[in-house]
Amino acid sequence: MILIAAASFTAWALVAIMWLTTRTMLADIRQQSAIPRVNAELEKLHISLSTIKTITTILPLLGLLGTVFGMLETFATIQHHGTGRPELFACGIRQALLTTQAGLCTALPLLFSHHILRSRLRTITSRIQLIMHVTKSSDKSSPKPESQ
């Protein structure tokens, strides 16, 4: 459960940082001079996005691992005390269900956030490419001064 909480906290911190950064970047790309800085930040954001995706993938697996440990505890209790007292092995079943729930409940919103952030990065990238294309086109179409 602690691993799930730590991984989830890390991922949500990255989501918050990326959200704020992309929000600033969308405003900054209107200025031609900011594009090199925005491009450099995009590389870092793609790495963070990959980290969020990895954590989102791992969280349900950590929940499944907790389920296995909870069921192992349950079976050990049944082996030791028998099935006559269900209150003894209910703790292991509870642990199994809670870790599964924690893994899924943290992974699903992170998956949604990952898709939103990926879409924002694509929007920023396409806007930068459009600005660069327009800039190159205007440079080519503007008349060059003739030298005498």
N, C-alpha and C. Protein backbone atom coordinates (compact mmCIF):
# COMPACT_ATOMS: atom_id res chain seq x y z
N MET A 1 0.82 -1.18 0.00
CA MET A 1 0.00 0.00 0.00
C MET A 1 0.88 1.26 0.00
N ILE A 2 2.00 1.21 0.70
CA ILE A 2 2.90 2.36 0.76
C ILE A 2 3.53 2.59 -0.61
N LEU A 3 3.88 1.52 -1.32
CA LEU A 3 4.43 1.67 -2.67
C LEU A 3 3.43 2.32 -3.61
N ILE A 4 2.18 1.93 -3.50
CA ILE A 4 1.14 2.50 -4.35
C ILE A 4 0.99 3.99 -4.05
N ALA A 5 0.98 4.34 -2.77
CA ALA A 5 0.84 5.74 -2.38
C ALA A 5 2.03 6.57 -2.87
N ALA A 6 3.23 6.04 -2.72
CA ALA A 6 4.43 6.78 -3.14
C ALA A 6 4.45 6.97 -4.66
N ALA A 7 4.15 5.91 -5.38
CA ALA A 7 4.14 6.00 -6.85
C ALA A 7 3.05 6.96 -7.32
N SER A 8 1.90 6.88 -6.68
CA SER A 8 0.80 7.76 -7.04
C SER A 8 1.14 9.22 -6.76
N PHE A 9 1.73 9.48 -5.61
CA PHE A 9 2.12 10.85 -5.26
C PHE A 9 3.13 11.40 -6.27
N THR A 10 4.10 10.59 -6.63
CA THR A 10 5.11 11.01 -7.60
C THR A 10 4.46 11.34 -8.94
N ALA A 11 3.58 10.47 -9.39
CA ALA A 11 2.93 10.69 -10.68
C ALA A 11 2.06 11.94 -10.65
N TRP A 12 1.32 12.13 -9.57
CA TRP A 12 0.46 13.32 -9.50
C TRP A 12 1.27 14.60 -9.41
N ALA A 13 2.43 14.54 -8.76
CA ALA A 13 3.30 15.71 -8.72
C ALA A 13 3.78 16.05 -10.14
N LEU A 14 4.15 15.03 -10.90
CA LEU A 14 4.57 15.24 -12.29
C LEU A 14 3.43 15.81 -13.14
N VAL A 15 2.21 15.29 -12.91
CA VAL A 15 1.05 15.79 -13.65
C VAL A 15 0.84 17.27 -13.36
N ALA A 16 0.93 17.66 -12.09
CA ALA A 16 0.73 19.07 -11.72
C ALA A 16 1.80 19.96 -12.35
N ILE A 17 3.04 19.52 -12.29
CA ILE A 17 4.13 20.30 -12.87
C ILE A 17 3.94 20.43 -14.38
N MET A 18 3.60 19.32 -15.03
CA MET A 18 3.41 19.35 -16.48
C MET A 18 2.23 20.23 -16.86
N TRP A 19 1.16 20.18 -16.08
CA TRP A 19 -0.02 20.99 -16.39
C TRP A 19 0.35 22.47 -16.36
N LEU A 20 1.03 22.87 -15.30
CA LEU A 20 1.41 24.28 -15.17
C LEU A 20 2.41 24.69 -16.25
N THR A 21 3.34 23.81 -16.55
CA THR A 21 4.35 24.13 -17.56
C THR A 21 3.72 24.26 -18.95
N THR A 22 2.84 23.33 -19.30
CA THR A 22 2.21 23.40 -20.62
C THR A 22 1.29 24.61 -20.72
N ARG A 23 0.69 24.97 -19.62
CA ARG A 23 -0.17 26.16 -19.62
C ARG A 23 0.68 27.41 -19.94
N THR A 24 1.84 27.50 -19.33
CA THR A 24 2.74 28.62 -19.59
C THR A 24 3.27 28.56 -21.02
N MET A 25 3.58 27.36 -21.47
CA MET A 25 4.14 27.20 -22.81
C MET A 25 3.14 27.63 -23.89
N LEU A 26 1.86 27.31 -23.68
CA LEU A 26 0.85 27.70 -24.66
C LEU A 26 0.77 29.22 -24.80
N ALA A 27 1.00 29.91 -23.70
CA ALA A 27 1.01 31.38 -23.76
C ALA A 27 2.32 31.89 -24.36
N ASP A 28 3.42 31.21 -24.09
CA ASP A 28 4.74 31.68 -24.53
C ASP A 28 4.99 31.49 -26.02
N ILE A 29 4.37 30.51 -26.64
CA ILE A 29 4.71 30.24 -28.05
C ILE A 29 4.20 31.32 -28.98
N ARG A 30 3.40 32.22 -28.48
CA ARG A 30 2.97 33.35 -29.31
C ARG A 30 4.14 34.29 -29.62
N GLN A 31 5.15 34.24 -28.78
CA GLN A 31 6.33 35.08 -28.99
C GLN A 31 7.39 34.26 -29.74
N GLN A 32 7.81 34.77 -30.82
CA GLN A 32 8.80 34.08 -31.66
C GLN A 32 10.08 33.78 -30.89
N SER A 33 10.50 34.70 -30.03
CA SER A 33 11.76 34.53 -29.31
C SER A 33 11.71 33.41 -28.27
N ALA A 34 10.53 33.00 -27.86
CA ALA A 34 10.40 31.97 -26.82
C ALA A 34 10.43 30.55 -27.38
N ILE A 35 10.36 30.41 -28.67
CA ILE A 35 10.26 29.07 -29.27
C ILE A 35 11.46 28.17 -28.96
N PRO A 36 12.71 28.64 -29.02
CA PRO A 36 13.82 27.75 -28.66
C PRO A 36 13.74 27.24 -27.21
N ARG A 37 13.33 28.11 -26.30
CA ARG A 37 13.19 27.70 -24.90
C ARG A 37 12.05 26.68 -24.75
N VAL A 38 10.95 26.93 -25.45
CA VAL A 38 9.81 26.01 -25.39
C VAL A 38 10.20 24.66 -25.97
N ASN A 39 10.96 24.64 -27.06
CA ASN A 39 11.42 23.38 -27.64
C ASN A 39 12.28 22.59 -26.65
N ALA A 40 13.15 23.29 -25.93
CA ALA A 40 14.00 22.61 -24.93
C ALA A 40 13.15 22.03 -23.81
N GLU A 41 12.14 22.77 -23.39
CA GLU A 41 11.26 22.28 -22.32
C GLU A 41 10.41 21.10 -22.78
N LEU A 42 10.06 21.09 -24.07
CA LEU A 42 9.25 19.99 -24.60
C LEU A 42 9.95 18.64 -24.42
N GLU A 43 11.26 18.62 -24.63
CA GLU A 43 12.01 17.37 -24.46
C GLU A 43 11.86 16.85 -23.02
N LYS A 44 12.00 17.75 -22.05
CA LYS A 44 11.87 17.36 -20.65
C LYS A 44 10.45 16.87 -20.35
N LEU A 45 9.47 17.53 -20.94
CA LEU A 45 8.08 17.15 -20.70
C LEU A 45 7.75 15.78 -21.30
N HIS A 46 8.37 15.47 -22.42
CA HIS A 46 8.14 14.14 -23.01
C HIS A 46 8.71 13.05 -22.09
N ILE A 47 9.82 13.32 -21.45
CA ILE A 47 10.38 12.37 -20.50
C ILE A 47 9.45 12.22 -19.30
N SER A 48 8.94 13.33 -18.79
CA SER A 48 8.00 13.28 -17.67
C SER A 48 6.73 12.53 -18.05
N LEU A 49 6.26 12.75 -19.28
CA LEU A 49 5.06 12.05 -19.74
C LEU A 49 5.30 10.55 -19.81
N SER A 50 6.49 10.17 -20.23
CA SER A 50 6.84 8.75 -20.26
C SER A 50 6.88 8.16 -18.85
N THR A 51 7.38 8.95 -17.89
CA THR A 51 7.40 8.50 -16.51
C THR A 51 5.99 8.31 -15.97
N ILE A 52 5.11 9.24 -16.27
CA ILE A 52 3.72 9.12 -15.83
C ILE A 52 3.08 7.86 -16.43
N LYS A 53 3.35 7.61 -17.69
CA LYS A 53 2.80 6.41 -18.34
C LYS A 53 3.32 5.14 -17.68
N THR A 54 4.60 5.13 -17.35
CA THR A 54 5.19 3.95 -16.70
C THR A 54 4.57 3.72 -15.33
N ILE A 55 4.45 4.78 -14.54
CA ILE A 55 3.86 4.65 -13.21
C ILE A 55 2.40 4.20 -13.32
N THR A 56 1.68 4.76 -14.30
CA THR A 56 0.29 4.37 -14.50
C THR A 56 0.17 2.90 -14.85
N THR A 57 1.13 2.39 -15.56
CA THR A 57 1.14 0.96 -15.90
C THR A 57 1.47 0.10 -14.70
N ILE A 58 2.36 0.59 -13.85
CA ILE A 58 2.82 -0.20 -12.71
C ILE A 58 1.80 -0.24 -11.56
N LEU A 59 1.03 0.83 -11.38
CA LEU A 59 0.12 0.90 -10.23
C LEU A 59 -0.85 -0.28 -10.12
N PRO A 60 -1.55 -0.68 -11.19
CA PRO A 60 -2.42 -1.85 -11.06
C PRO A 60 -1.64 -3.13 -10.74
N LEU A 61 -0.40 -3.21 -11.24
CA LEU A 61 0.42 -4.39 -10.93
C LEU A 61 0.81 -4.42 -9.46
N LEU A 62 1.08 -3.25 -8.88
CA LEU A 62 1.34 -3.19 -7.44
C LEU A 62 0.10 -3.59 -6.66
N GLY A 63 -1.06 -3.18 -7.13
CA GLY A 63 -2.32 -3.61 -6.51
C GLY A 63 -2.49 -5.12 -6.59
N LEU A 64 -2.14 -5.68 -7.72
CA LEU A 64 -2.21 -7.14 -7.88
C LEU A 64 -1.22 -7.84 -6.96
N LEU A 65 -0.05 -7.27 -6.80
CA LEU A 65 0.94 -7.84 -5.88
C LEU A 65 0.41 -7.83 -4.45
N GLY A 66 -0.24 -6.73 -4.05
CA GLY A 66 -0.86 -6.67 -2.73
C GLY A 66 -1.96 -7.70 -2.58
N THR A 67 -2.68 -7.95 -3.67
CA THR A 67 -3.73 -8.98 -3.65
C THR A 67 -3.12 -10.36 -3.39
N VAL A 68 -2.02 -10.62 -4.05
CA VAL A 68 -1.34 -11.91 -3.86
C VAL A 68 -0.87 -12.06 -2.42
N PHE A 69 -0.26 -11.00 -1.86
CA PHE A 69 0.19 -11.06 -0.47
C PHE A 69 -0.98 -11.24 0.49
N GLY A 70 -2.08 -10.55 0.23
CA GLY A 70 -3.26 -10.69 1.09
C GLY A 70 -3.84 -12.10 1.03
N MET A 71 -3.87 -12.67 -0.16
CA MET A 71 -4.40 -14.04 -0.28
C MET A 71 -3.44 -15.05 0.34
N LEU A 72 -2.14 -14.81 0.22
CA LEU A 72 -1.18 -15.70 0.88
C LEU A 72 -1.36 -15.66 2.40
N GLU A 73 -1.59 -14.47 2.92
CA GLU A 73 -1.85 -14.33 4.35
C GLU A 73 -3.13 -15.06 4.73
N THR A 74 -4.14 -14.94 3.89
CA THR A 74 -5.41 -15.63 4.15
C THR A 74 -5.22 -17.14 4.17
N PHE A 75 -4.51 -17.67 3.20
CA PHE A 75 -4.31 -19.12 3.15
C PHE A 75 -3.43 -19.62 4.30
N ALA A 76 -2.46 -18.80 4.70
CA ALA A 76 -1.64 -19.19 5.86
C ALA A 76 -2.49 -19.23 7.13
N THR A 77 -3.41 -18.28 7.27
CA THR A 77 -4.31 -18.27 8.43
C THR A 77 -5.25 -19.47 8.40
N ILE A 78 -5.77 -19.79 7.22
CA ILE A 78 -6.66 -20.95 7.09
C ILE A 78 -5.89 -22.22 7.42
N GLN A 79 -4.65 -22.31 6.95
CA GLN A 79 -3.84 -23.50 7.21
C GLN A 79 -3.57 -23.64 8.70
N HIS A 80 -3.33 -22.54 9.36
CA HIS A 80 -2.98 -22.58 10.78
C HIS A 80 -4.20 -22.76 11.68
N HIS A 81 -5.32 -22.09 11.39
CA HIS A 81 -6.49 -22.10 12.27
C HIS A 81 -7.69 -22.83 11.70
N GLY A 82 -7.65 -23.19 10.43
CA GLY A 82 -8.81 -23.83 9.81
C GLY A 82 -9.81 -22.79 9.32
N THR A 83 -10.93 -23.28 8.83
CA THR A 83 -11.94 -22.38 8.26
C THR A 83 -13.08 -22.11 9.23
N GLY A 84 -12.98 -22.55 10.44
CA GLY A 84 -14.06 -22.39 11.42
C GLY A 84 -14.23 -20.97 11.92
N ARG A 85 -13.19 -20.14 11.80
CA ARG A 85 -13.28 -18.77 12.31
C ARG A 85 -12.95 -17.79 11.18
N PRO A 86 -13.96 -17.37 10.43
CA PRO A 86 -13.71 -16.50 9.28
C PRO A 86 -13.15 -15.13 9.65
N GLU A 87 -13.37 -14.68 10.88
CA GLU A 87 -12.85 -13.37 11.27
C GLU A 87 -11.32 -13.35 11.26
N LEU A 88 -10.70 -14.52 11.39
CA LEU A 88 -9.24 -14.57 11.38
C LEU A 88 -8.65 -14.34 9.99
N PHE A 89 -9.30 -14.89 8.97
CA PHE A 89 -8.73 -14.70 7.63
C PHE A 89 -9.38 -13.55 6.85
N ALA A 90 -10.34 -12.87 7.46
CA ALA A 90 -10.95 -11.72 6.81
C ALA A 90 -9.93 -10.58 6.62
N CYS A 91 -8.96 -10.50 7.50
CA CYS A 91 -7.94 -9.45 7.40
C CYS A 91 -7.14 -9.59 6.10
N GLY A 92 -6.77 -10.80 5.75
CA GLY A 92 -6.02 -11.03 4.51
C GLY A 92 -6.84 -10.72 3.28
N ILE A 93 -8.11 -11.09 3.32
CA ILE A 93 -8.99 -10.79 2.18
C ILE A 93 -9.19 -9.28 2.06
N ARG A 94 -9.33 -8.60 3.19
CA ARG A 94 -9.47 -7.15 3.19
C ARG A 94 -8.23 -6.49 2.58
N GLN A 95 -7.06 -6.96 2.98
CA GLN A 95 -5.82 -6.42 2.43
C GLN A 95 -5.77 -6.63 0.92
N ALA A 96 -6.17 -7.81 0.48
CA ALA A 96 -6.15 -8.11 -0.95
C ALA A 96 -7.07 -7.17 -1.71
N LEU A 97 -8.26 -6.95 -1.20
CA LEU A 97 -9.21 -6.09 -1.90
C LEU A 97 -8.80 -4.61 -1.84
N LEU A 98 -8.27 -4.17 -0.72
CA LEU A 98 -7.86 -2.77 -0.60
C LEU A 98 -6.70 -2.43 -1.52
N THR A 99 -5.74 -3.31 -1.64
CA THR A 99 -4.61 -3.01 -2.51
C THR A 99 -5.02 -3.03 -3.98
N THR A 100 -5.92 -3.92 -4.34
CA THR A 100 -6.43 -3.92 -5.71
C THR A 100 -7.17 -2.62 -5.99
N GLN A 101 -8.02 -2.22 -5.05
CA GLN A 101 -8.77 -0.97 -5.20
C GLN A 101 -7.82 0.22 -5.30
N ALA A 102 -6.83 0.26 -4.45
CA ALA A 102 -5.88 1.39 -4.46
C ALA A 102 -5.13 1.47 -5.78
N GLY A 103 -4.68 0.33 -6.27
CA GLY A 103 -3.96 0.32 -7.55
C GLY A 103 -4.81 0.80 -8.70
N LEU A 104 -6.05 0.35 -8.76
CA LEU A 104 -6.93 0.75 -9.86
C LEU A 104 -7.42 2.19 -9.71
N CYS A 105 -7.76 2.58 -8.49
CA CYS A 105 -8.29 3.93 -8.28
C CYS A 105 -7.23 5.01 -8.48
N THR A 106 -5.98 4.67 -8.36
CA THR A 106 -4.94 5.66 -8.64
C THR A 106 -4.51 5.61 -10.10
N ALA A 107 -4.58 4.45 -10.72
CA ALA A 107 -4.12 4.33 -12.10
C ALA A 107 -5.11 4.93 -13.10
N LEU A 108 -6.39 4.75 -12.88
CA LEU A 108 -7.37 5.22 -13.86
C LEU A 108 -7.37 6.75 -14.04
N PRO A 109 -7.39 7.54 -12.97
CA PRO A 109 -7.29 9.00 -13.19
C PRO A 109 -5.95 9.42 -13.79
N LEU A 110 -4.88 8.72 -13.43
CA LEU A 110 -3.58 9.03 -14.02
C LEU A 110 -3.56 8.73 -15.51
N LEU A 111 -4.22 7.67 -15.90
CA LEU A 111 -4.31 7.33 -17.32
C LEU A 111 -5.04 8.44 -18.08
N PHE A 112 -6.13 8.92 -17.50
CA PHE A 112 -6.88 10.02 -18.09
C PHE A 112 -6.01 11.27 -18.19
N SER A 113 -5.29 11.59 -17.12
CA SER A 113 -4.40 12.75 -17.11
C SER A 113 -3.29 12.61 -18.14
N HIS A 114 -2.77 11.40 -18.28
CA HIS A 114 -1.72 11.14 -19.27
C HIS A 114 -2.22 11.49 -20.67
N HIS A 115 -3.43 11.07 -20.99
CA HIS A 115 -3.97 11.34 -22.32
C HIS A 115 -4.19 12.83 -22.55
N ILE A 116 -4.65 13.54 -21.52
CA ILE A 116 -4.85 14.99 -21.65
C ILE A 116 -3.50 15.69 -21.86
N LEU A 117 -2.51 15.32 -21.07
CA LEU A 117 -1.19 15.95 -21.19
C LEU A 117 -0.53 15.63 -22.53
N ARG A 118 -0.70 14.40 -22.98
CA ARG A 118 -0.14 14.03 -24.29
C ARG A 118 -0.78 14.86 -25.39
N SER A 119 -2.07 15.10 -25.27
CA SER A 119 -2.77 15.93 -26.25
C SER A 119 -2.27 17.37 -26.20
N ARG A 120 -2.03 17.88 -25.00
CA ARG A 120 -1.50 19.25 -24.88
C ARG A 120 -0.12 19.36 -25.50
N LEU A 121 0.73 18.36 -25.28
CA LEU A 121 2.07 18.40 -25.87
C LEU A 121 1.99 18.35 -27.40
N ARG A 122 1.07 17.56 -27.91
CA ARG A 122 0.90 17.51 -29.37
C ARG A 122 0.41 18.86 -29.90
N THR A 123 -0.48 19.51 -29.16
CA THR A 123 -0.97 20.82 -29.57
C THR A 123 0.17 21.84 -29.60
N ILE A 124 0.98 21.83 -28.56
CA ILE A 124 2.12 22.76 -28.49
C ILE A 124 3.08 22.49 -29.64
N THR A 125 3.39 21.23 -29.88
CA THR A 125 4.31 20.87 -30.96
C THR A 125 3.76 21.31 -32.31
N SER A 126 2.48 21.07 -32.55
CA SER A 126 1.91 21.47 -33.84
C SER A 126 1.87 22.98 -34.00
N ARG A 127 1.61 23.70 -32.91
CA ARG A 127 1.62 25.16 -33.01
C ARG A 127 3.02 25.69 -33.30
N ILE A 128 4.01 25.11 -32.67
CA ILE A 128 5.39 25.53 -32.93
C ILE A 128 5.76 25.25 -34.39
N GLN A 129 5.38 24.07 -34.88
CA GLN A 129 5.68 23.74 -36.27
C GLN A 129 4.97 24.69 -37.22
N LEU A 130 3.74 25.05 -36.90
CA LEU A 130 3.00 26.00 -37.73
C LEU A 130 3.67 27.36 -37.73
N ILE A 131 4.07 27.83 -36.57
CA ILE A 131 4.75 29.13 -36.48
C ILE A 131 6.06 29.10 -37.26
N MET A 132 6.81 28.01 -37.11
CA MET A 132 8.09 27.91 -37.83
C MET A 132 7.85 27.86 -39.34
N HIS A 133 6.80 27.17 -39.77
CA HIS A 133 6.48 27.08 -41.20
C HIS A 133 6.08 28.45 -41.75
N VAL A 134 5.24 29.15 -41.00
CA VAL A 134 4.82 30.48 -41.43
C VAL A 134 6.01 31.43 -41.48
N THR A 135 6.88 31.33 -40.50
CA THR A 135 8.06 32.19 -40.46
C THR A 135 8.97 31.92 -41.65
N LYS A 136 9.20 30.64 -41.95
CA LYS A 136 10.05 30.30 -43.10
C LYS A 136 9.40 30.74 -44.40
N SER A 137 8.10 30.58 -44.51
CA SER A 137 7.40 30.99 -45.73
C SER A 137 7.46 32.50 -45.92
N SER A 138 7.30 33.24 -44.83
CA SER A 138 7.35 34.70 -44.96
C SER A 138 8.77 35.17 -45.26
N ASP A 139 9.77 34.45 -44.77
CA ASP A 139 11.16 34.81 -45.08
C ASP A 139 11.46 34.60 -46.56
N LYS A 140 10.91 33.54 -47.14
CA LYS A 140 11.15 33.23 -48.55
C LYS A 140 10.40 34.19 -49.46
N SER A 141 9.20 34.60 -49.04
CA SER A 141 8.38 35.44 -49.92
C SER A 141 8.70 36.92 -49.82
N SER A 142 9.38 37.33 -48.77
CA SER A 142 9.71 38.75 -48.66
C SER A 142 10.82 39.08 -49.65
N PRO A 143 10.69 40.24 -50.29
CA PRO A 143 11.70 40.59 -51.32
C PRO A 143 13.05 40.90 -50.68
N LYS A 144 14.08 40.45 -51.35
CA LYS A 144 15.43 40.69 -50.87
C LYS A 144 15.94 41.99 -51.47
N PRO A 145 16.63 42.77 -50.66
CA PRO A 145 17.16 44.02 -51.21
C PRO A 145 18.23 43.73 -52.26
N GLU A 146 18.16 44.51 -53.31
CA GLU A 146 19.14 44.31 -54.38
C GLU A 146 20.42 45.05 -54.04
N SER A 147 21.52 44.41 -54.28
CA SER A 147 22.81 45.05 -54.02
C SER A 147 23.30 45.75 -55.29
N GLN A 148 23.95 46.87 -55.15
CA GLN A 148 24.41 47.63 -56.31
C GLN A 148 25.87 47.49 -56.52
